[in-house]
């Protein structure tokens, strides 16, 4: 009986953990465009896919370019983005998720907050 209880308890804890940790993932997924000015050069939009891929197209001097890489949650309020290709190749970024809902995303970087709105 004790063994069955321990196994059931473990399964319930794992289900609770996965439910809590994946909540932010679903809200972050989708296409976002900048809603505020950015210091320096930056992508004009971000596309967070459910498989952990991020695509960040941007324009500079009327030339369209694209960076792409992977993102993952460090905890429920922080993400790590590692860009593999494009202008930001082999650069890792860390952001605090200040706000994410169905319409707005605010990421806090080391220099400023990046405000975005969802593309519908």
C-alpha atoms as a PDB file:
ATOM      1  CA  UNK A   1       0.000   0.000   0.000  1.00  0.00           C
ATOM      2  CA  UNK A   2       2.799   2.395   0.929  1.00  0.00           C
ATOM      3  CA  UNK A   3       4.559   1.721  -2.373  1.00  0.00           C
ATOM      4  CA  UNK A   4       1.390   2.484  -4.390  1.00  0.00           C
ATOM      5  CA  UNK A   5       0.869   5.697  -2.421  1.00  0.00           C
ATOM      6  CA  UNK A   6       4.474   6.777  -3.037  1.00  0.00           C
ATOM      7  CA  UNK A   7       4.153   6.123  -6.764  1.00  0.00           C
ATOM      8  CA  UNK A   8       0.839   7.975  -6.967  1.00  0.00           C
ATOM      9  CA  UNK A   9       2.248  10.889  -4.966  1.00  0.00           C
ATOM     10  CA  UNK A  10       5.261  11.101  -7.311  1.00  0.00           C
ATOM     11  CA  UNK A  11       3.015  11.114 -10.402  1.00  0.00           C
ATOM     12  CA  UNK A  12       0.797  13.851  -8.921  1.00  0.00           C
ATOM     13  CA  UNK A  13       3.816  16.007  -8.037  1.00  0.00           C
ATOM     14  CA  UNK A  14       5.236  15.619 -11.553  1.00  0.00           C
ATOM     15  CA  UNK A  15       1.886  16.561 -13.106  1.00  0.00           C
ATOM     16  CA  UNK A  16       1.660  19.631 -10.887  1.00  0.00           C
ATOM     17  CA  UNK A  17       5.233  20.634 -11.707  1.00  0.00           C
ATOM     18  CA  UNK A  18       4.720  20.309 -15.458  1.00  0.00           C
ATOM     19  CA  UNK A  19       1.425  22.224 -15.317  1.00  0.00           C
ATOM     20  CA  UNK A  20       3.063  25.101 -13.437  1.00  0.00           C
ATOM     21  CA  UNK A  21       6.193  25.256 -15.539  1.00  0.00           C
ATOM     22  CA  UNK A  22       4.493  25.209 -18.945  1.00  0.00           C
ATOM     23  CA  UNK A  23       1.984  28.007 -18.286  1.00  0.00           C
ATOM     24  CA  UNK A  24       4.197  30.789 -19.601  1.00  0.00           C
ATOM     25  CA  UNK A  25       5.215  28.777 -22.649  1.00  0.00           C
ATOM     26  CA  UNK A  26       1.792  28.873 -24.214  1.00  0.00           C
ATOM     27  CA  UNK A  27       1.297  32.595 -23.665  1.00  0.00           C
ATOM     28  CA  UNK A  28       4.690  33.404 -25.185  1.00  0.00           C
ATOM     29  CA  UNK A  29       4.096  31.360 -28.337  1.00  0.00           C
ATOM     30  CA  UNK A  30       3.191  33.316 -31.434  1.00  0.00           C
ATOM     31  CA  UNK A  31       4.298  36.314 -33.462  1.00  0.00           C
ATOM     32  CA  UNK A  32       5.087  39.631 -31.767  1.00  0.00           C
ATOM     33  CA  UNK A  33       6.028  43.033 -33.236  1.00  0.00           C
ATOM     34  CA  UNK A  34       7.808  45.880 -31.489  1.00  0.00           C
ATOM     35  CA  UNK A  35       5.529  48.416 -29.856  1.00  0.00           C
ATOM     36  CA  UNK A  36       8.278  50.755 -28.605  1.00  0.00           C
ATOM     37  CA  UNK A  37      11.580  52.221 -29.741  1.00  0.00           C
ATOM     38  CA  UNK A  38      14.677  50.143 -29.057  1.00  0.00           C
ATOM     39  CA  UNK A  39      18.161  51.396 -28.174  1.00  0.00           C
ATOM     40  CA  UNK A  40      20.534  50.269 -30.914  1.00  0.00           C
ATOM     41  CA  UNK A  41      19.705  47.722 -33.589  1.00  0.00           C
ATOM     42  CA  UNK A  42      17.029  45.137 -32.982  1.00  0.00           C
ATOM     43  CA  UNK A  43      14.742  42.737 -34.825  1.00  0.00           C
ATOM     44  CA  UNK A  44      11.403  44.252 -35.816  1.00  0.00           C
ATOM     45  CA  UNK A  45       9.487  41.180 -34.646  1.00  0.00           C
ATOM     46  CA  UNK A  46       9.851  37.866 -32.828  1.00  0.00           C
ATOM     47  CA  UNK A  47       8.146  34.553 -33.523  1.00  0.00           C
ATOM     48  CA  UNK A  48       8.238  32.139 -30.587  1.00  0.00           C
ATOM     49  CA  UNK A  49       7.297  28.642 -31.786  1.00  0.00           C
ATOM     50  CA  UNK A  50       6.037  25.816 -29.579  1.00  0.00           C
ATOM     51  CA  UNK A  51       9.110  23.680 -30.358  1.00  0.00           C
ATOM     52  CA  UNK A  52      11.451  26.193 -28.665  1.00  0.00           C
ATOM     53  CA  UNK A  53      12.526  27.918 -31.878  1.00  0.00           C
ATOM     54  CA  UNK A  54      12.595  31.704 -32.152  1.00  0.00           C
ATOM     55  CA  UNK A  55      12.752  33.617 -35.446  1.00  0.00           C
ATOM     56  CA  UNK A  56      13.636  37.298 -35.377  1.00  0.00           C
ATOM     57  CA  UNK A  57      13.398  39.133 -38.717  1.00  0.00           C
ATOM     58  CA  UNK A  58      14.532  42.733 -38.913  1.00  0.00           C
ATOM     59  CA  UNK A  59      15.279  45.418 -41.429  1.00  0.00           C
ATOM     60  CA  UNK A  60      18.303  47.641 -41.655  1.00  0.00           C
ATOM     61  CA  UNK A  61      18.915  50.103 -44.436  1.00  0.00           C
ATOM     62  CA  UNK A  62      15.956  48.681 -46.349  1.00  0.00           C
ATOM     63  CA  UNK A  63      17.458  45.169 -46.304  1.00  0.00           C
ATOM     64  CA  UNK A  64      15.421  42.383 -44.730  1.00  0.00           C
ATOM     65  CA  UNK A  65      17.433  39.942 -42.613  1.00  0.00           C
ATOM     66  CA  UNK A  66      16.534  37.125 -40.277  1.00  0.00           C
ATOM     67  CA  UNK A  67      18.084  35.723 -37.135  1.00  0.00           C
ATOM     68  CA  UNK A  68      16.949  32.415 -35.691  1.00  0.00           C
ATOM     69  CA  UNK A  69      17.731  30.279 -32.703  1.00  0.00           C
ATOM     70  CA  UNK A  70      16.308  28.564 -29.639  1.00  0.00           C
ATOM     71  CA  UNK A  71      14.618  29.834 -26.502  1.00  0.00           C
ATOM     72  CA  UNK A  72      13.954  28.143 -23.195  1.00  0.00           C
ATOM     73  CA  UNK A  73      12.488  29.088 -19.868  1.00  0.00           C
ATOM     74  CA  UNK A  74      15.024  29.372 -17.049  1.00  0.00           C
ATOM     75  CA  UNK A  75      12.138  29.694 -14.600  1.00  0.00           C
ATOM     76  CA  UNK A  76       8.586  31.001 -14.939  1.00  0.00           C
ATOM     77  CA  UNK A  77       9.744  34.643 -15.235  1.00  0.00           C
ATOM     78  CA  UNK A  78      13.011  34.372 -17.202  1.00  0.00           C
ATOM     79  CA  UNK A  79      13.963  33.128 -20.656  1.00  0.00           C
ATOM     80  CA  UNK A  80      17.249  32.461 -22.396  1.00  0.00           C
ATOM     81  CA  UNK A  81      17.486  33.027 -26.150  1.00  0.00           C
ATOM     82  CA  UNK A  82      20.460  31.617 -28.075  1.00  0.00           C
ATOM     83  CA  UNK A  83      20.607  32.868 -31.637  1.00  0.00           C
ATOM     84  CA  UNK A  84      22.188  30.302 -33.969  1.00  0.00           C
ATOM     85  CA  UNK A  85      21.929  32.038 -37.355  1.00  0.00           C
ATOM     86  CA  UNK A  86      21.787  35.501 -38.808  1.00  0.00           C
ATOM     87  CA  UNK A  87      22.982  38.875 -37.570  1.00  0.00           C
ATOM     88  CA  UNK A  88      23.017  37.794 -33.912  1.00  0.00           C
ATOM     89  CA  UNK A  89      24.702  34.434 -34.590  1.00  0.00           C
ATOM     90  CA  UNK A  90      26.192  32.735 -31.505  1.00  0.00           C
ATOM     91  CA  UNK A  91      24.879  35.354 -29.068  1.00  0.00           C
ATOM     92  CA  UNK A  92      22.868  34.479 -25.962  1.00  0.00           C
ATOM     93  CA  UNK A  93      20.304  36.886 -24.495  1.00  0.00           C
ATOM     94  CA  UNK A  94      18.610  36.692 -21.096  1.00  0.00           C
ATOM     95  CA  UNK A  95      15.269  38.390 -20.442  1.00  0.00           C
ATOM     96  CA  UNK A  96      12.915  38.779 -17.530  1.00  0.00           C
ATOM     97  CA  UNK A  97       9.276  38.391 -18.582  1.00  0.00           C
ATOM     98  CA  UNK A  98       7.662  41.469 -17.048  1.00  0.00           C
ATOM     99  CA  UNK A  99       4.283  40.903 -18.679  1.00  0.00           C
ATOM    100  CA  UNK A 100       2.768  38.413 -21.084  1.00  0.00           C
ATOM    101  CA  UNK A 101      -0.891  38.117 -21.949  1.00  0.00           C
ATOM    102  CA  UNK A 102      -2.949  37.590 -25.097  1.00  0.00           C
ATOM    103  CA  UNK A 103      -2.047  41.022 -26.511  1.00  0.00           C
ATOM    104  CA  UNK A 104       1.133  42.341 -24.879  1.00  0.00           C
ATOM    105  CA  UNK A 105       4.630  41.078 -24.103  1.00  0.00           C
ATOM    106  CA  UNK A 106       7.224  43.035 -22.135  1.00  0.00           C
ATOM    107  CA  UNK A 107      10.738  41.632 -21.847  1.00  0.00           C
ATOM    108  CA  UNK A 108      13.285  43.300 -19.566  1.00  0.00           C
ATOM    109  CA  UNK A 109      16.834  43.151 -20.862  1.00  0.00           C
ATOM    110  CA  UNK A 110      20.019  44.572 -19.422  1.00  0.00           C
ATOM    111  CA  UNK A 111      19.553  47.918 -21.197  1.00  0.00           C
ATOM    112  CA  UNK A 112      15.800  48.483 -21.477  1.00  0.00           C
ATOM    113  CA  UNK A 113      12.342  46.956 -21.552  1.00  0.00           C
ATOM    114  CA  UNK A 114      11.191  45.645 -24.927  1.00  0.00           C
ATOM    115  CA  UNK A 115       7.468  46.160 -25.430  1.00  0.00           C
ATOM    116  CA  UNK A 116       5.697  44.094 -28.080  1.00  0.00           C
ATOM    117  CA  UNK A 117       2.177  43.403 -29.228  1.00  0.00           C
ATOM    118  CA  UNK A 118       0.853  40.155 -30.636  1.00  0.00           C
ATOM    119  CA  UNK A 119       0.283  39.814 -34.376  1.00  0.00           C
ATOM    120  CA  UNK A 120      -3.180  38.418 -35.039  1.00  0.00           C
END
